[in-house]
C-alpha atoms as a PDB file:
ATOM      1  CA  MET A   1     -67.373 -51.987  -5.801  1.00  0.00           C
ATOM      2  CA  ILE A   2     -66.892 -51.427  -9.307  1.00  0.00           C
ATOM      3  CA  ILE A   3     -64.524 -48.162 -10.060  1.00  0.00           C
ATOM      4  CA  LEU A   4     -64.342 -46.459 -13.866  1.00  0.00           C
ATOM      5  CA  CYS A   5     -61.786 -44.268 -14.407  1.00  0.00           C
ATOM      6  CA  GLN A   6     -62.110 -42.142 -17.327  1.00  0.00           C
ATOM      7  CA  LYS A   7     -58.246 -40.173 -16.903  1.00  0.00           C
ATOM      8  CA  LEU A   8     -57.170 -42.413 -20.162  1.00  0.00           C
ATOM      9  CA  LEU A   9     -60.081 -42.002 -22.368  1.00  0.00           C
ATOM     10  CA  PRO A  10     -60.401 -41.467 -25.283  1.00  0.00           C
ATOM     11  CA  ASP A  11     -58.014 -44.699 -25.472  1.00  0.00           C
ATOM     12  CA  VAL A  12     -58.532 -46.867 -22.247  1.00  0.00           C
ATOM     13  CA  LEU A  13     -61.211 -46.984 -19.761  1.00  0.00           C
ATOM     14  CA  ARG A  14     -59.652 -48.527 -16.983  1.00  0.00           C
ATOM     15  CA  VAL A  15     -61.758 -50.457 -14.421  1.00  0.00           C
ATOM     16  CA  TRP A  16     -60.991 -51.849 -10.916  1.00  0.00           C
ATOM     17  CA  THR A  17     -62.813 -52.928  -7.721  1.00  0.00           C
ATOM     18  CA  THR A  18     -62.643 -52.498  -3.897  1.00  0.00           C
ATOM     19  CA  ASP A  19     -63.450 -55.001  -1.406  1.00  0.00           C
ATOM     20  CA  GLU A  20     -66.470 -52.674  -0.502  1.00  0.00           C
ATOM     21  CA  TRP A  21     -69.715 -54.152  -2.330  1.00  0.00           C
ATOM     22  CA  ASP A  22     -72.540 -52.696  -0.523  1.00  0.00           C
ATOM     23  CA  GLU A  23     -72.798 -50.662  -3.901  1.00  0.00           C
ATOM     24  CA  ILE A  24     -72.123 -52.281  -7.039  1.00  0.00           C
ATOM     25  CA  GLY A  25     -70.424 -49.376  -8.935  1.00  0.00           C
ATOM     26  CA  ASP A  26     -72.092 -47.132 -11.996  1.00  0.00           C
ATOM     27  CA  PHE A  27     -72.989 -49.202 -14.382  1.00  0.00           C
ATOM     28  CA  ASP A  28     -75.538 -46.071 -16.058  1.00  0.00           C
ATOM     29  CA  MET A  29     -72.145 -44.503 -16.220  1.00  0.00           C
ATOM     30  CA  PHE A  30     -70.556 -47.477 -18.336  1.00  0.00           C
ATOM     31  CA  ASN A  31     -73.184 -47.921 -20.404  1.00  0.00           C
ATOM     32  CA  LYS A  32     -73.445 -44.254 -21.136  1.00  0.00           C
ATOM     33  CA  ILE A  33     -69.587 -44.180 -22.171  1.00  0.00           C
ATOM     34  CA  LEU A  34     -70.185 -47.194 -24.402  1.00  0.00           C
ATOM     35  CA  ASP A  35     -73.166 -45.257 -25.739  1.00  0.00           C
ATOM     36  CA  GLU A  36     -71.165 -42.460 -26.644  1.00  0.00           C
ATOM     37  CA  TYR A  37     -68.748 -44.644 -28.029  1.00  0.00           C
ATOM     38  CA  ILE A  38     -70.608 -46.571 -30.300  1.00  0.00           C
ATOM     39  CA  GLU A  39     -72.506 -43.142 -32.122  1.00  0.00           C
ATOM     40  CA  LYS A  40     -69.081 -41.855 -32.467  1.00  0.00           C
ATOM     41  CA  ASN A  41     -68.616 -45.269 -34.229  1.00  0.00           C
ATOM     42  CA  ASN A  42     -65.230 -45.346 -32.237  1.00  0.00           C
ATOM     43  CA  LYS A  43     -63.557 -47.988 -29.575  1.00  0.00           C
ATOM     44  CA  PHE A  44     -61.422 -48.115 -26.404  1.00  0.00           C
ATOM     45  CA  VAL A  45     -59.352 -50.740 -24.747  1.00  0.00           C
ATOM     46  CA  LEU A  46     -60.786 -51.561 -21.433  1.00  0.00           C
ATOM     47  CA  LEU A  47     -58.332 -52.298 -18.888  1.00  0.00           C
ATOM     48  CA  PHE A  48     -58.926 -54.086 -15.437  1.00  0.00           C
ATOM     49  CA  SER A  49     -55.978 -53.104 -13.106  1.00  0.00           C
ATOM     50  CA  LYS A  50     -56.006 -51.388  -9.772  1.00  0.00           C
ATOM     51  CA  PRO A  51     -53.843 -48.066 -10.174  1.00  0.00           C
ATOM     52  CA  GLY A  52     -50.905 -47.880  -7.438  1.00  0.00           C
ATOM     53  CA  ILE A  53     -50.034 -50.348  -4.701  1.00  0.00           C
ATOM     54  CA  SER A  54     -52.356 -53.456  -4.875  1.00  0.00           C
ATOM     55  CA  ILE A  55     -53.929 -54.810  -1.703  1.00  0.00           C
ATOM     56  CA  PRO A  56     -53.629 -58.855  -2.073  1.00  0.00           C
ATOM     57  CA  GLY A  57     -56.780 -60.646  -1.605  1.00  0.00           C
ATOM     58  CA  ILE A  58     -59.668 -58.233  -2.588  1.00  0.00           C
ATOM     59  CA  PRO A  59     -62.674 -60.652  -2.300  1.00  0.00           C
ATOM     60  CA  LEU A  60     -65.177 -61.408  -4.891  1.00  0.00           C
ATOM     61  CA  PRO A  61     -68.552 -60.242  -4.065  1.00  0.00           C
ATOM     62  CA  THR A  62     -71.270 -62.021  -2.680  1.00  0.00           C
ATOM     63  CA  ALA A  63     -73.204 -64.501  -4.785  1.00  0.00           C
ATOM     64  CA  PRO A  64     -76.351 -62.384  -5.665  1.00  0.00           C
ATOM     65  CA  THR A  65     -74.225 -59.309  -6.134  1.00  0.00           C
ATOM     66  CA  LEU A  66     -71.885 -61.471  -8.519  1.00  0.00           C
ATOM     67  CA  ILE A  67     -74.774 -63.073 -10.539  1.00  0.00           C
ATOM     68  CA  TYR A  68     -75.853 -59.608 -11.304  1.00  0.00           C
ATOM     69  CA  ILE A  69     -72.927 -58.028 -12.330  1.00  0.00           C
ATOM     70  CA  VAL A  70     -72.575 -61.248 -14.664  1.00  0.00           C
ATOM     71  CA  ALA A  71     -76.418 -60.434 -15.802  1.00  0.00           C
ATOM     72  CA  LYS A  72     -75.536 -56.569 -16.788  1.00  0.00           C
ATOM     73  CA  LEU A  73     -72.380 -57.810 -18.630  1.00  0.00           C
ATOM     74  CA  VAL A  74     -74.105 -60.321 -20.607  1.00  0.00           C
ATOM     75  CA  MET A  75     -76.802 -57.632 -21.392  1.00  0.00           C
ATOM     76  CA  MET A  76     -74.241 -54.974 -22.323  1.00  0.00           C
ATOM     77  CA  LYS A  77     -72.777 -57.828 -24.785  1.00  0.00           C
ATOM     78  CA  SER A  78     -73.533 -55.962 -28.422  1.00  0.00           C
ATOM     79  CA  LYS A  79     -72.444 -52.591 -26.827  1.00  0.00           C
ATOM     80  CA  LEU A  80     -69.402 -54.309 -25.474  1.00  0.00           C
ATOM     81  CA  GLN A  81     -68.623 -55.763 -29.226  1.00  0.00           C
ATOM     82  CA  GLN A  82     -69.056 -52.478 -30.911  1.00  0.00           C
ATOM     83  CA  ALA A  83     -67.286 -49.845 -28.428  1.00  0.00           C
ATOM     84  CA  VAL A  84     -64.203 -51.846 -27.189  1.00  0.00           C
ATOM     85  CA  TYR A  85     -61.296 -53.094 -29.254  1.00  0.00           C
ATOM     86  CA  PHE A  86     -60.364 -55.518 -26.323  1.00  0.00           C
ATOM     87  CA  ASN A  87     -59.830 -55.904 -22.651  1.00  0.00           C
ATOM     88  CA  VAL A  88     -56.422 -56.381 -20.917  1.00  0.00           C
ATOM     89  CA  ILE A  89     -57.038 -58.108 -17.359  1.00  0.00           C
ATOM     90  CA  HIS A  90     -53.718 -57.233 -14.911  1.00  0.00           C
ATOM     91  CA  LEU A  91     -53.591 -59.710 -12.358  1.00  0.00           C
ATOM     92  CA  GLN A  92     -52.252 -58.536  -9.474  1.00  0.00           C
ATOM     93  CA  ASP A  93     -51.656 -61.194  -6.955  1.00  0.00           C
ATOM     94  CA  ALA A  94     -52.079 -65.077  -6.583  1.00  0.00           C
ATOM     95  CA  GLU A  95     -56.026 -65.047  -5.413  1.00  0.00           C
ATOM     96  CA  ALA A  96     -56.466 -62.306  -8.310  1.00  0.00           C
ATOM     97  CA  ARG A  97     -55.930 -65.645 -10.871  1.00  0.00           C
ATOM     98  CA  ASP A  98     -58.247 -67.924  -8.730  1.00  0.00           C
ATOM     99  CA  ASN A  99     -61.308 -65.047  -8.732  1.00  0.00           C
ATOM    100  CA  LEU A 100     -60.678 -64.576 -12.532  1.00  0.00           C
ATOM    101  CA  ASN A 101     -61.017 -68.140 -13.114  1.00  0.00           C
ATOM    102  CA  PHE A 102     -64.291 -68.519 -10.907  1.00  0.00           C
ATOM    103  CA  LEU A 103     -65.599 -65.607 -12.510  1.00  0.00           C
ATOM    104  CA  LEU A 104     -65.056 -67.125 -16.110  1.00  0.00           C
ATOM    105  CA  GLN A 105     -66.930 -70.339 -15.423  1.00  0.00           C
ATOM    106  CA  TYR A 106     -69.772 -67.792 -15.274  1.00  0.00           C
ATOM    107  CA  TYR A 107     -68.999 -65.049 -17.783  1.00  0.00           C
ATOM    108  CA  THR A 108     -67.549 -65.451 -21.169  1.00  0.00           C
ATOM    109  CA  PRO A 109     -66.476 -62.070 -22.361  1.00  0.00           C
ATOM    110  CA  ALA A 110     -67.522 -60.009 -25.135  1.00  0.00           C
ATOM    111  CA  ASN A 111     -64.224 -59.018 -26.738  1.00  0.00           C
ATOM    112  CA  GLU A 112     -60.563 -60.464 -26.862  1.00  0.00           C
ATOM    113  CA  THR A 113     -59.083 -60.475 -23.585  1.00  0.00           C
ATOM    114  CA  HIS A 114     -55.698 -60.654 -22.650  1.00  0.00           C
ATOM    115  CA  VAL A 115     -54.332 -61.676 -19.382  1.00  0.00           C
ATOM    116  CA  VAL A 116     -50.931 -60.337 -17.833  1.00  0.00           C
ATOM    117  CA  GLU A 117     -49.375 -60.247 -14.661  1.00  0.00           C
ATOM    118  CA  SER A 118     -47.350 -57.111 -14.787  1.00  0.00           C
ATOM    119  CA  ILE A 119     -48.348 -53.597 -15.647  1.00  0.00           C
ATOM    120  CA  ASP A 120     -45.569 -53.159 -18.022  1.00  0.00           C
ATOM    121  CA  ASP A 121     -47.148 -56.459 -20.124  1.00  0.00           C
ATOM    122  CA  ALA A 122     -50.547 -54.315 -20.004  1.00  0.00           C
ATOM    123  CA  THR A 123     -49.002 -51.151 -21.317  1.00  0.00           C
ATOM    124  CA  LYS A 124     -46.826 -53.192 -24.077  1.00  0.00           C
ATOM    125  CA  ILE A 125     -50.379 -54.435 -25.450  1.00  0.00           C
ATOM    126  CA  ILE A 126     -52.340 -51.148 -25.308  1.00  0.00           C
ATOM    127  CA  ASN A 127     -49.193 -49.249 -26.871  1.00  0.00           C
ATOM    128  CA  ASN A 128     -48.813 -51.993 -29.740  1.00  0.00           C
ATOM    129  CA  HIS A 129     -52.649 -51.318 -30.481  1.00  0.00           C
ATOM    130  CA  LEU A 130     -52.537 -48.019 -30.041  1.00  0.00           C
ATOM    131  CA  LEU A 131     -49.514 -47.464 -32.448  1.00  0.00           C
ATOM    132  CA  ASP A 132     -51.026 -49.768 -35.228  1.00  0.00           C
ATOM    133  CA  ASN A 133     -54.279 -47.696 -35.276  1.00  0.00           C
END
């Protein structure tokens, strides 16, 4: 399941997944957030990073679920370009890199994407951006 954490907004929207793919996540809420930022002519950073201790080996969703997620993201591409400065993807284990490489075979991010292996690197990228704006 895709989880949206709005605690870091207005600057950062944190997203992560769980291993429970019976539900996909709240794309309606994600769309609402994107619409609000577009309406205000504002942007945020999209951070893909699970808070706390990472659990290695969170599996990818099934193929139909993955296709659904990719299709939703493709349909949202224009909104993502308008409302998101850039993406930061925090790889938290070796399997995450493999999963990301697999996903990127089917989906090209709508925005510049930084891939990091530590939360410190993610924080530096985001803080540097915030200081410049």
